[in-house]
């Protein structure tokens, strides 16, 4: 039990360290090049920092729950963007996706 907890802490530290490194590199590149001047203003959008963190936690942490929660938060914060990207299909895809995700979570919780 103690080895699993130590490994979980190590994964968390590694994911956190990589997040800080990536965000530091992005800030440094933005100060040198300015993403907005090359047509990429969305890279330094503060909402996307949550997405970057979620992806890094999914890559480096063995327990995927933190990364999934962060992606869920990003999706909720950017629901307008998602609906606009889906267009007319969003009227059907969003409710179906919510039903599917809810069903999967329910099945996983009853196992």
PDB file of N, CA and C in Angstrom:
ATOM      1  N   UNK A   1       0.824  -1.192   0.000  1.00  0.00           N
ATOM      2  CA  UNK A   1       0.000   0.000   0.000  1.00  0.00           C
ATOM      3  C   UNK A   1       0.866   1.253   0.000  1.00  0.00           C
ATOM      4  N   UNK A   2       1.920   1.259   0.803  1.00  0.00           N
ATOM      5  CA  UNK A   2       2.789   2.437   0.881  1.00  0.00           C
ATOM      6  C   UNK A   2       3.536   2.660  -0.426  1.00  0.00           C
ATOM      7  N   UNK A   3       3.893   1.560  -1.120  1.00  0.00           N
ATOM      8  CA  UNK A   3       4.599   1.696  -2.399  1.00  0.00           C
ATOM      9  C   UNK A   3       3.690   2.302  -3.463  1.00  0.00           C
ATOM     10  N   UNK A   4       2.417   1.948  -3.441  1.00  0.00           N
ATOM     11  CA  UNK A   4       1.474   2.496  -4.405  1.00  0.00           C
ATOM     12  C   UNK A   4       1.291   3.985  -4.165  1.00  0.00           C
ATOM     13  N   UNK A   5       1.180   4.383  -2.891  1.00  0.00           N
ATOM     14  CA  UNK A   5       0.999   5.799  -2.568  1.00  0.00           C
ATOM     15  C   UNK A   5       2.246   6.598  -2.948  1.00  0.00           C
ATOM     16  N   UNK A   6       3.429   6.051  -2.699  1.00  0.00           N
ATOM     17  CA  UNK A   6       4.669   6.743  -3.055  1.00  0.00           C
ATOM     18  C   UNK A   6       4.771   6.900  -4.565  1.00  0.00           C
ATOM     19  N   UNK A   7       4.372   5.864  -5.307  1.00  0.00           N
ATOM     20  CA  UNK A   7       4.408   5.937  -6.761  1.00  0.00           C
ATOM     21  C   UNK A   7       3.401   6.960  -7.272  1.00  0.00           C
ATOM     22  N   UNK A   8       2.231   7.050  -6.623  1.00  0.00           N
ATOM     23  CA  UNK A   8       1.219   8.025  -7.004  1.00  0.00           C
ATOM     24  C   UNK A   8       1.736   9.443  -6.771  1.00  0.00           C
ATOM     25  N   UNK A   9       2.421   9.654  -5.631  1.00  0.00           N
ATOM     26  CA  UNK A   9       3.009  10.967  -5.365  1.00  0.00           C
ATOM     27  C   UNK A   9       4.082  11.299  -6.387  1.00  0.00           C
ATOM     28  N   UNK A  10       4.883  10.332  -6.750  1.00  0.00           N
ATOM     29  CA  UNK A  10       5.944  10.544  -7.732  1.00  0.00           C
ATOM     30  C   UNK A  10       5.338  10.916  -9.083  1.00  0.00           C
ATOM     31  N   UNK A  11       4.266  10.237  -9.471  1.00  0.00           N
ATOM     32  CA  UNK A  11       3.576  10.571 -10.718  1.00  0.00           C
ATOM     33  C   UNK A  11       3.024  11.990 -10.675  1.00  0.00           C
ATOM     34  N   UNK A  12       2.457  12.361  -9.539  1.00  0.00           N
ATOM     35  CA  UNK A  12       1.895  13.703  -9.386  1.00  0.00           C
ATOM     36  C   UNK A  12       2.985  14.754  -9.479  1.00  0.00           C
ATOM     37  N   UNK A  13       4.103  14.516  -8.811  1.00  0.00           N
ATOM     38  CA  UNK A  13       5.212  15.464  -8.867  1.00  0.00           C
ATOM     39  C   UNK A  13       5.761  15.590 -10.285  1.00  0.00           C
ATOM     40  N   UNK A  14       5.874  14.453 -10.985  1.00  0.00           N
ATOM     41  CA  UNK A  14       6.392  14.478 -12.350  1.00  0.00           C
ATOM     42  C   UNK A  14       5.446  15.251 -13.266  1.00  0.00           C
ATOM     43  N   UNK A  15       4.144  14.994 -13.149  1.00  0.00           N
ATOM     44  CA  UNK A  15       3.164  15.691 -13.984  1.00  0.00           C
ATOM     45  C   UNK A  15       3.145  17.185 -13.670  1.00  0.00           C
ATOM     46  N   UNK A  16       3.232  17.527 -12.395  1.00  0.00           N
ATOM     47  CA  UNK A  16       3.256  18.938 -12.003  1.00  0.00           C
ATOM     48  C   UNK A  16       4.519  19.620 -12.517  1.00  0.00           C
ATOM     49  N   UNK A  17       5.654  18.943 -12.394  1.00  0.00           N
ATOM     50  CA  UNK A  17       6.910  19.509 -12.884  1.00  0.00           C
ATOM     51  C   UNK A  17       6.857  19.731 -14.392  1.00  0.00           C
ATOM     52  N   UNK A  18       6.330  18.767 -15.128  1.00  0.00           N
ATOM     53  CA  UNK A  18       6.240  18.914 -16.582  1.00  0.00           C
ATOM     54  C   UNK A  18       5.274  20.035 -16.964  1.00  0.00           C
ATOM     55  N   UNK A  19       4.194  20.194 -16.195  1.00  0.00           N
ATOM     56  CA  UNK A  19       3.258  21.290 -16.449  1.00  0.00           C
ATOM     57  C   UNK A  19       3.945  22.634 -16.271  1.00  0.00           C
ATOM     58  N   UNK A  20       4.691  22.778 -15.192  1.00  0.00           N
ATOM     59  CA  UNK A  20       5.398  24.034 -14.945  1.00  0.00           C
ATOM     60  C   UNK A  20       6.448  24.309 -16.019  1.00  0.00           C
ATOM     61  N   UNK A  21       7.130  23.265 -16.451  1.00  0.00           N
ATOM     62  CA  UNK A  21       8.140  23.428 -17.499  1.00  0.00           C
ATOM     63  C   UNK A  21       7.493  23.855 -18.809  1.00  0.00           C
ATOM     64  N   UNK A  22       6.410  23.199 -19.193  1.00  0.00           N
ATOM     65  CA  UNK A  22       5.737  23.535 -20.453  1.00  0.00           C
ATOM     66  C   UNK A  22       5.193  24.958 -20.408  1.00  0.00           C
ATOM     67  N   UNK A  23       4.557  25.330 -19.294  1.00  0.00           N
ATOM     68  CA  UNK A  23       4.027  26.691 -19.189  1.00  0.00           C
ATOM     69  C   UNK A  23       5.149  27.726 -19.188  1.00  0.00           C
ATOM     70  N   UNK A  24       6.267  27.416 -18.545  1.00  0.00           N
ATOM     71  CA  UNK A  24       7.417  28.318 -18.568  1.00  0.00           C
ATOM     72  C   UNK A  24       7.978  28.487 -19.962  1.00  0.00           C
ATOM     73  N   UNK A  25       8.081  27.391 -20.704  1.00  0.00           N
ATOM     74  CA  UNK A  25       8.580  27.456 -22.074  1.00  0.00           C
ATOM     75  C   UNK A  25       7.618  28.262 -22.953  1.00  0.00           C
ATOM     76  N   UNK A  26       6.316  28.046 -22.767  1.00  0.00           N
ATOM     77  CA  UNK A  26       5.335  28.809 -23.552  1.00  0.00           C
ATOM     78  C   UNK A  26       5.436  30.302 -23.265  1.00  0.00           C
ATOM     79  N   UNK A  27       5.568  30.672 -21.979  1.00  0.00           N
ATOM     80  CA  UNK A  27       5.715  32.087 -21.635  1.00  0.00           C
ATOM     81  C   UNK A  27       6.995  32.672 -22.235  1.00  0.00           C
ATOM     82  N   UNK A  28       8.091  31.924 -22.163  1.00  0.00           N
ATOM     83  CA  UNK A  28       9.351  32.397 -22.710  1.00  0.00           C
ATOM     84  C   UNK A  28       9.260  32.590 -24.225  1.00  0.00           C
ATOM     85  N   UNK A  29       8.685  31.612 -24.916  1.00  0.00           N
ATOM     86  CA  UNK A  29       8.528  31.734 -26.371  1.00  0.00           C
ATOM     87  C   UNK A  29       7.623  32.907 -26.710  1.00  0.00           C
ATOM     88  N   UNK A  30       6.567  33.110 -25.902  1.00  0.00           N
ATOM     89  CA  UNK A  30       5.666  34.225 -26.167  1.00  0.00           C
ATOM     90  C   UNK A  30       6.369  35.561 -25.977  1.00  0.00           C
ATOM     91  N   UNK A  31       7.255  35.650 -25.016  1.00  0.00           N
ATOM     92  CA  UNK A  31       7.994  36.903 -24.809  1.00  0.00           C
ATOM     93  C   UNK A  31       8.988  37.148 -25.942  1.00  0.00           C
ATOM     94  N   UNK A  32       9.535  36.086 -26.522  1.00  0.00           N
ATOM     95  CA  UNK A  32      10.510  36.234 -27.594  1.00  0.00           C
ATOM     96  C   UNK A  32       9.856  36.406 -28.964  1.00  0.00           C
ATOM     97  N   UNK A  33       8.824  35.617 -29.255  1.00  0.00           N
ATOM     98  CA  UNK A  33       8.244  35.595 -30.590  1.00  0.00           C
ATOM     99  C   UNK A  33       6.881  36.289 -30.651  1.00  0.00           C
ATOM    100  N   UNK A  34       6.114  36.214 -29.597  1.00  0.00           N
ATOM    101  CA  UNK A  34       4.731  36.697 -29.539  1.00  0.00           C
ATOM    102  C   UNK A  34       3.846  35.859 -30.461  1.00  0.00           C
ATOM    103  N   UNK A  35       3.171  34.895 -29.875  1.00  0.00           N
ATOM    104  CA  UNK A  35       2.312  33.997 -30.642  1.00  0.00           C
ATOM    105  C   UNK A  35       1.252  34.753 -31.431  1.00  0.00           C
ATOM    106  N   UNK A  36       0.758  35.863 -30.886  1.00  0.00           N
ATOM    107  CA  UNK A  36      -0.291  36.605 -31.591  1.00  0.00           C
ATOM    108  C   UNK A  36       0.237  37.229 -32.891  1.00  0.00           C
ATOM    109  N   UNK A  37       1.527  37.555 -32.940  1.00  0.00           N
ATOM    110  CA  UNK A  37       2.072  38.156 -34.159  1.00  0.00           C
ATOM    111  C   UNK A  37       2.252  37.143 -35.286  1.00  0.00           C
ATOM    112  N   UNK A  38       2.274  35.850 -34.954  1.00  0.00           N
ATOM    113  CA  UNK A  38       2.394  34.822 -35.996  1.00  0.00           C
ATOM    114  C   UNK A  38       1.060  34.112 -36.229  1.00  0.00           C
ATOM    115  N   UNK A  39      -0.027  34.698 -35.718  1.00  0.00           N
ATOM    116  CA  UNK A  39      -1.352  34.157 -35.976  1.00  0.00           C
ATOM    117  C   UNK A  39      -1.798  33.051 -35.051  1.00  0.00           C
ATOM    118  N   UNK A  40      -1.169  32.912 -33.901  1.00  0.00           N
ATOM    119  CA  UNK A  40      -1.539  31.876 -32.939  1.00  0.00           C
ATOM    120  C   UNK A  40      -1.886  32.470 -31.565  1.00  0.00           C
ATOM    121  N   UNK A  41      -2.844  33.383 -31.492  1.00  0.00           N
ATOM    122  CA  UNK A  41      -3.150  33.991 -30.192  1.00  0.00           C
ATOM    123  C   UNK A  41      -3.789  33.021 -29.208  1.00  0.00           C
ATOM    124  N   UNK A  42      -4.379  31.934 -29.696  1.00  0.00           N
ATOM    125  CA  UNK A  42      -5.055  30.971 -28.832  1.00  0.00           C
ATOM    126  C   UNK A  42      -4.078  30.174 -27.963  1.00  0.00           C
ATOM    127  N   UNK A  43      -2.798  30.132 -28.358  1.00  0.00           N
ATOM    128  CA  UNK A  43      -1.815  29.348 -27.599  1.00  0.00           C
ATOM    129  C   UNK A  43      -1.676  29.883 -26.176  1.00  0.00           C
ATOM    130  N   UNK A  44      -1.701  31.189 -26.016  1.00  0.00           N
ATOM    131  CA  UNK A  44      -1.528  31.782 -24.688  1.00  0.00           C
ATOM    132  C   UNK A  44      -2.865  32.160 -24.027  1.00  0.00           C
ATOM    133  N   UNK A  45      -3.968  31.635 -24.558  1.00  0.00           N
ATOM    134  CA  UNK A  45      -5.270  31.844 -23.934  1.00  0.00           C
ATOM    135  C   UNK A  45      -5.289  31.128 -22.582  1.00  0.00           C
ATOM    136  N   UNK A  46      -5.689  31.826 -21.551  1.00  0.00           N
ATOM    137  CA  UNK A  46      -5.627  31.259 -20.199  1.00  0.00           C
ATOM    138  C   UNK A  46      -6.515  30.031 -20.033  1.00  0.00           C
ATOM    139  N   UNK A  47      -7.602  29.945 -20.793  1.00  0.00           N
ATOM    140  CA  UNK A  47      -8.439  28.741 -20.740  1.00  0.00           C
ATOM    141  C   UNK A  47      -7.683  27.518 -21.246  1.00  0.00           C
ATOM    142  N   UNK A  48      -6.807  27.720 -22.204  1.00  0.00           N
ATOM    143  CA  UNK A  48      -6.065  26.595 -22.768  1.00  0.00           C
ATOM    144  C   UNK A  48      -4.985  26.071 -21.829  1.00  0.00           C
ATOM    145  N   UNK A  49      -4.558  26.860 -20.855  1.00  0.00           N
ATOM    146  CA  UNK A  49      -3.587  26.364 -19.881  1.00  0.00           C
ATOM    147  C   UNK A  49      -4.159  25.179 -19.110  1.00  0.00           C
ATOM    148  N   UNK A  50      -5.456  25.218 -18.844  1.00  0.00           N
ATOM    149  CA  UNK A  50      -6.113  24.094 -18.185  1.00  0.00           C
ATOM    150  C   UNK A  50      -6.078  22.862 -19.083  1.00  0.00           C
ATOM    151  N   UNK A  51      -6.272  23.061 -20.370  1.00  0.00           N
ATOM    152  CA  UNK A  51      -6.206  21.947 -21.315  1.00  0.00           C
ATOM    153  C   UNK A  51      -4.794  21.377 -21.393  1.00  0.00           C
ATOM    154  N   UNK A  52      -3.783  22.242 -21.436  1.00  0.00           N
ATOM    155  CA  UNK A  52      -2.395  21.768 -21.461  1.00  0.00           C
ATOM    156  C   UNK A  52      -2.088  20.945 -20.205  1.00  0.00           C
ATOM    157  N   UNK A  53      -2.543  21.442 -19.062  1.00  0.00           N
ATOM    158  CA  UNK A  53      -2.317  20.731 -17.803  1.00  0.00           C
ATOM    159  C   UNK A  53      -3.007  19.379 -17.827  1.00  0.00           C
ATOM    160  N   UNK A  54      -4.233  19.329 -18.318  1.00  0.00           N
ATOM    161  CA  UNK A  54      -4.971  18.067 -18.387  1.00  0.00           C
ATOM    162  C   UNK A  54      -4.252  17.054 -19.262  1.00  0.00           C
ATOM    163  N   UNK A  55      -3.772  17.495 -20.408  1.00  0.00           N
ATOM    164  CA  UNK A  55      -3.074  16.580 -21.316  1.00  0.00           C
ATOM    165  C   UNK A  55      -1.792  16.064 -20.681  1.00  0.00           C
ATOM    166  N   UNK A  56      -1.052  16.932 -20.021  1.00  0.00           N
ATOM    167  CA  UNK A  56       0.194  16.509 -19.372  1.00  0.00           C
ATOM    168  C   UNK A  56      -0.096  15.519 -18.253  1.00  0.00           C
ATOM    169  N   UNK A  57      -1.148  15.768 -17.462  1.00  0.00           N
ATOM    170  CA  UNK A  57      -1.496  14.833 -16.396  1.00  0.00           C
ATOM    171  C   UNK A  57      -1.955  13.491 -16.968  1.00  0.00           C
ATOM    172  N   UNK A  58      -2.634  13.500 -18.103  1.00  0.00           N
ATOM    173  CA  UNK A  58      -3.023  12.235 -18.718  1.00  0.00           C
ATOM    174  C   UNK A  58      -1.809  11.460 -19.237  1.00  0.00           C
ATOM    175  N   UNK A  59      -0.799  12.177 -19.690  1.00  0.00           N
ATOM    176  CA  UNK A  59       0.395  11.518 -20.214  1.00  0.00           C
ATOM    177  C   UNK A  59       1.280  10.973 -19.093  1.00  0.00           C
ATOM    178  N   UNK A  60       1.524  11.773 -18.059  1.00  0.00           N
ATOM    179  CA  UNK A  60       2.537  11.418 -17.069  1.00  0.00           C
ATOM    180  C   UNK A  60       2.007  10.752 -15.802  1.00  0.00           C
ATOM    181  N   UNK A  61       0.732  10.832 -15.535  1.00  0.00           N
ATOM    182  CA  UNK A  61       0.205  10.264 -14.293  1.00  0.00           C
ATOM    183  C   UNK A  61      -0.491   8.947 -14.596  1.00  0.00           C
ATOM    184  N   UNK A  62      -0.179   7.936 -13.830  1.00  0.00           N
ATOM    185  CA  UNK A  62      -0.753   6.619 -14.042  1.00  0.00           C
ATOM    186  C   UNK A  62      -2.257   6.616 -13.769  1.00  0.00           C
ATOM    187  N   UNK A  63      -2.678   7.311 -12.698  1.00  0.00           N
ATOM    188  CA  UNK A  63      -4.093   7.455 -12.378  1.00  0.00           C
ATOM    189  C   UNK A  63      -4.645   8.597 -13.231  1.00  0.00           C
ATOM    190  N   UNK A  64      -5.526   8.297 -14.148  1.00  0.00           N
ATOM    191  CA  UNK A  64      -6.003   9.266 -15.136  1.00  0.00           C
ATOM    192  C   UNK A  64      -7.128  10.161 -14.634  1.00  0.00           C
ATOM    193  N   UNK A  65      -7.561   9.995 -13.377  1.00  0.00           N
ATOM    194  CA  UNK A  65      -8.732  10.720 -12.896  1.00  0.00           C
ATOM    195  C   UNK A  65      -8.510  12.235 -12.871  1.00  0.00           C
ATOM    196  N   UNK A  66      -7.340  12.684 -12.472  1.00  0.00           N
ATOM    197  CA  UNK A  66      -7.078  14.128 -12.411  1.00  0.00           C
ATOM    198  C   UNK A  66      -7.129  14.727 -13.812  1.00  0.00           C
ATOM    199  N   UNK A  67      -6.496  14.086 -14.766  1.00  0.00           N
ATOM    200  CA  UNK A  67      -6.515  14.576 -16.135  1.00  0.00           C
ATOM    201  C   UNK A  67      -7.913  14.606 -16.725  1.00  0.00           C
ATOM    202  N   UNK A  68      -8.714  13.584 -16.434  1.00  0.00           N
ATOM    203  CA  UNK A  68     -10.082  13.543 -16.940  1.00  0.00           C
ATOM    204  C   UNK A  68     -10.946  14.632 -16.319  1.00  0.00           C
ATOM    205  N   UNK A  69     -10.763  14.881 -15.029  1.00  0.00           N
ATOM    206  CA  UNK A  69     -11.514  15.954 -14.368  1.00  0.00           C
ATOM    207  C   UNK A  69     -11.123  17.303 -14.952  1.00  0.00           C
ATOM    208  N   UNK A  70      -9.838  17.517 -15.197  1.00  0.00           N
ATOM    209  CA  UNK A  70      -9.391  18.780 -15.779  1.00  0.00           C
ATOM    210  C   UNK A  70      -9.928  18.972 -17.198  1.00  0.00           C
ATOM    211  N   UNK A  71      -9.968  17.901 -17.981  1.00  0.00           N
ATOM    212  CA  UNK A  71     -10.543  18.007 -19.323  1.00  0.00           C
ATOM    213  C   UNK A  71     -12.039  18.306 -19.230  1.00  0.00           C
ATOM    214  N   UNK A  72     -12.720  17.676 -18.272  1.00  0.00           N
ATOM    215  CA  UNK A  72     -14.137  17.969 -18.064  1.00  0.00           C
ATOM    216  C   UNK A  72     -14.371  19.429 -17.706  1.00  0.00           C
ATOM    217  N   UNK A  73     -13.524  19.966 -16.839  1.00  0.00           N
ATOM    218  CA  UNK A  73     -13.632  21.382 -16.491  1.00  0.00           C
ATOM    219  C   UNK A  73     -13.396  22.271 -17.702  1.00  0.00           C
ATOM    220  N   UNK A  74     -12.396  21.918 -18.508  1.00  0.00           N
ATOM    221  CA  UNK A  74     -12.114  22.705 -19.710  1.00  0.00           C
ATOM    222  C   UNK A  74     -13.300  22.663 -20.666  1.00  0.00           C
ATOM    223  N   UNK A  75     -13.908  21.484 -20.815  1.00  0.00           N
ATOM    224  CA  UNK A  75     -15.066  21.366 -21.695  1.00  0.00           C
ATOM    225  C   UNK A  75     -16.234  22.215 -21.201  1.00  0.00           C
ATOM    226  N   UNK A  76     -16.474  22.208 -19.893  1.00  0.00           N
ATOM    227  CA  UNK A  76     -17.564  23.008 -19.340  1.00  0.00           C
ATOM    228  C   UNK A  76     -17.275  24.500 -19.526  1.00  0.00           C
ATOM    229  N   UNK A  77     -16.038  24.903 -19.303  1.00  0.00           N
ATOM    230  CA  UNK A  77     -15.679  26.315 -19.455  1.00  0.00           C
ATOM    231  C   UNK A  77     -15.762  26.776 -20.911  1.00  0.00           C
ATOM    232  N   UNK A  78     -15.556  25.869 -21.843  1.00  0.00           N
ATOM    233  CA  UNK A  78     -15.538  26.219 -23.265  1.00  0.00           C
ATOM    234  C   UNK A  78     -16.676  25.573 -24.034  1.00  0.00           C
ATOM    235  N   UNK A  79     -17.826  25.392 -23.406  1.00  0.00           N
ATOM    236  CA  UNK A  79     -18.950  24.728 -24.057  1.00  0.00           C
ATOM    237  C   UNK A  79     -19.426  25.521 -25.274  1.00  0.00           C
ATOM    238  N   UNK A  80     -19.332  26.846 -25.215  1.00  0.00           N
ATOM    239  CA  UNK A  80     -19.721  27.663 -26.363  1.00  0.00           C
ATOM    240  C   UNK A  80     -18.856  27.379 -27.578  1.00  0.00           C
ATOM    241  N   UNK A  81     -17.560  27.227 -27.369  1.00  0.00           N
ATOM    242  CA  UNK A  81     -16.639  26.900 -28.460  1.00  0.00           C
ATOM    243  C   UNK A  81     -16.969  25.534 -29.046  1.00  0.00           C
ATOM    244  N   UNK A  82     -17.235  24.574 -28.199  1.00  0.00           N
ATOM    245  CA  UNK A  82     -17.523  23.211 -28.657  1.00  0.00           C
ATOM    246  C   UNK A  82     -18.815  23.196 -29.467  1.00  0.00           C
ATOM    247  N   UNK A  83     -19.833  23.881 -28.986  1.00  0.00           N
ATOM    248  CA  UNK A  83     -21.106  23.919 -29.702  1.00  0.00           C
ATOM    249  C   UNK A  83     -20.938  24.626 -31.051  1.00  0.00           C
ATOM    250  N   UNK A  84     -20.169  25.710 -31.072  1.00  0.00           N
ATOM    251  CA  UNK A  84     -19.969  26.417 -32.339  1.00  0.00           C
ATOM    252  C   UNK A  84     -19.152  25.579 -33.326  1.00  0.00           C
ATOM    253  N   UNK A  85     -18.211  24.777 -32.836  1.00  0.00           N
ATOM    254  CA  UNK A  85     -17.438  23.911 -33.730  1.00  0.00           C
ATOM    255  C   UNK A  85     -18.293  22.785 -34.299  1.00  0.00           C
ATOM    256  N   UNK A  86     -19.225  22.273 -33.500  1.00  0.00           N
ATOM    257  CA  UNK A  86     -20.077  21.184 -33.964  1.00  0.00           C
ATOM    258  C   UNK A  86     -21.193  21.670 -34.875  1.00  0.00           C
ATOM    259  N   UNK A  87     -21.566  22.935 -34.750  1.00  0.00           N
ATOM    260  CA  UNK A  87     -22.605  23.492 -35.605  1.00  0.00           C
ATOM    261  C   UNK A  87     -23.960  22.869 -35.344  1.00  0.00           C
ATOM    262  N   UNK A  88     -24.677  22.551 -36.414  1.00  0.00           N
ATOM    263  CA  UNK A  88     -26.025  22.003 -36.305  1.00  0.00           C
ATOM    264  C   UNK A  88     -26.016  20.603 -35.692  1.00  0.00           C
ATOM    265  N   UNK A  89     -24.909  19.893 -35.825  1.00  0.00           N
ATOM    266  CA  UNK A  89     -24.831  18.546 -35.266  1.00  0.00           C
ATOM    267  C   UNK A  89     -24.858  18.562 -33.741  1.00  0.00           C
ATOM    268  N   UNK A  90     -24.518  19.713 -33.130  1.00  0.00           N
ATOM    269  CA  UNK A  90     -24.442  19.774 -31.679  1.00  0.00           C
ATOM    270  C   UNK A  90     -25.789  19.530 -31.026  1.00  0.00           C
ATOM    271  N   UNK A  91     -26.878  19.775 -31.754  1.00  0.00           N
ATOM    272  CA  UNK A  91     -28.202  19.540 -31.198  1.00  0.00           C
ATOM    273  C   UNK A  91     -28.398  18.063 -30.860  1.00  0.00           C
ATOM    274  N   UNK A  92     -27.728  17.172 -31.580  1.00  0.00           N
ATOM    275  CA  UNK A  92     -27.866  15.745 -31.329  1.00  0.00           C
ATOM    276  C   UNK A  92     -26.637  15.146 -30.654  1.00  0.00           C
ATOM    277  N   UNK A  93     -25.449  15.603 -31.034  1.00  0.00           N
ATOM    278  CA  UNK A  93     -24.228  14.996 -30.518  1.00  0.00           C
ATOM    279  C   UNK A  93     -23.989  15.305 -29.043  1.00  0.00           C
ATOM    280  N   UNK A  94     -24.267  16.519 -28.614  1.00  0.00           N
ATOM    281  CA  UNK A  94     -24.017  16.880 -27.218  1.00  0.00           C
ATOM    282  C   UNK A  94     -24.871  16.059 -26.265  1.00  0.00           C
ATOM    283  N   UNK A  95     -26.187  15.953 -26.477  1.00  0.00           N
ATOM    284  CA  UNK A  95     -26.963  15.108 -25.559  1.00  0.00           C
ATOM    285  C   UNK A  95     -26.551  13.642 -25.617  1.00  0.00           C
ATOM    286  N   UNK A  96     -26.229  13.149 -26.814  1.00  0.00           N
ATOM    287  CA  UNK A  96     -25.786  11.755 -26.923  1.00  0.00           C
ATOM    288  C   UNK A  96     -24.460  11.529 -26.211  1.00  0.00           C
ATOM    289  N   UNK A  97     -23.555  12.483 -26.343  1.00  0.00           N
ATOM    290  CA  UNK A  97     -22.266  12.363 -25.659  1.00  0.00           C
ATOM    291  C   UNK A  97     -22.448  12.393 -24.152  1.00  0.00           C
ATOM    292  N   UNK A  98     -23.311  13.275 -23.670  1.00  0.00           N
ATOM    293  CA  UNK A  98     -23.567  13.333 -22.228  1.00  0.00           C
ATOM    294  C   UNK A  98     -24.189  12.034 -21.725  1.00  0.00           C
ATOM    295  N   UNK A  99     -25.136  11.473 -22.480  1.00  0.00           N
ATOM    296  CA  UNK A  99     -25.735  10.193 -22.094  1.00  0.00           C
ATOM    297  C   UNK A  99     -24.705   9.071 -22.090  1.00  0.00           C
ATOM    298  N   UNK A 100     -23.860   9.047 -23.097  1.00  0.00           N
ATOM    299  CA  UNK A 100     -22.834   8.009 -23.193  1.00  0.00           C
ATOM    300  C   UNK A 100     -21.834   8.112 -22.040  1.00  0.00           C
ATOM    301  N   UNK A 101     -21.346   9.307 -21.780  1.00  0.00           N
ATOM    302  CA  UNK A 101     -20.373   9.498 -20.696  1.00  0.00           C
ATOM    303  C   UNK A 101     -21.011   9.172 -19.352  1.00  0.00           C
ATOM    304  N   UNK A 102     -22.243   9.624 -19.146  1.00  0.00           N
ATOM    305  CA  UNK A 102     -22.937   9.313 -17.897  1.00  0.00           C
ATOM    306  C   UNK A 102     -23.136   7.829 -17.710  1.00  0.00           C
ATOM    307  N   UNK A 103     -23.510   7.134 -18.792  1.00  0.00           N
ATOM    308  CA  UNK A 103     -23.688   5.684 -18.707  1.00  0.00           C
ATOM    309  C   UNK A 103     -22.394   4.952 -18.394  1.00  0.00           C
ATOM    310  N   UNK A 104     -21.308   5.383 -19.022  1.00  0.00           N
ATOM    311  CA  UNK A 104     -20.003   4.759 -18.760  1.00  0.00           C
ATOM    312  C   UNK A 104     -19.582   4.992 -17.311  1.00  0.00           C
ATOM    313  N   UNK A 105     -19.744   6.209 -16.840  1.00  0.00           N
ATOM    314  CA  UNK A 105     -19.390   6.500 -15.442  1.00  0.00           C
ATOM    315  C   UNK A 105     -20.250   5.710 -14.463  1.00  0.00           C
ATOM    316  N   UNK A 106     -21.527   5.550 -14.779  1.00  0.00           N
ATOM    317  CA  UNK A 106     -22.409   4.769 -13.912  1.00  0.00           C
ATOM    318  C   UNK A 106     -21.972   3.305 -13.871  1.00  0.00           C
ATOM    319  N   UNK A 107     -21.660   2.743 -15.040  1.00  0.00           N
ATOM    320  CA  UNK A 107     -21.201   1.358 -15.085  1.00  0.00           C
ATOM    321  C   UNK A 107     -19.891   1.171 -14.327  1.00  0.00           C
ATOM    322  N   UNK A 108     -18.990   2.124 -14.469  1.00  0.00           N
ATOM    323  CA  UNK A 108     -17.721   2.021 -13.745  1.00  0.00           C
ATOM    324  C   UNK A 108     -17.915   2.147 -12.248  1.00  0.00           C
ATOM    325  N   UNK A 109     -18.873   2.955 -11.825  1.00  0.00           N
ATOM    326  CA  UNK A 109     -19.084   3.140 -10.387  1.00  0.00           C
ATOM    327  C   UNK A 109     -19.767   1.950  -9.739  1.00  0.00           C
ATOM    328  N   UNK A 110     -20.476   1.132 -10.524  1.00  0.00           N
ATOM    329  CA  UNK A 110     -21.161  -0.024  -9.944  1.00  0.00           C
ATOM    330  C   UNK A 110     -20.336  -1.300 -10.013  1.00  0.00           C
ATOM    331  N   UNK A 111     -19.180  -1.246 -10.564  1.00  0.00           N
ATOM    332  CA  UNK A 111     -18.316  -2.429 -10.659  1.00  0.00           C
ATOM    333  C   UNK A 111     -17.676  -2.757  -9.362  1.00  0.00           C
TER     334      UNK A 111
END
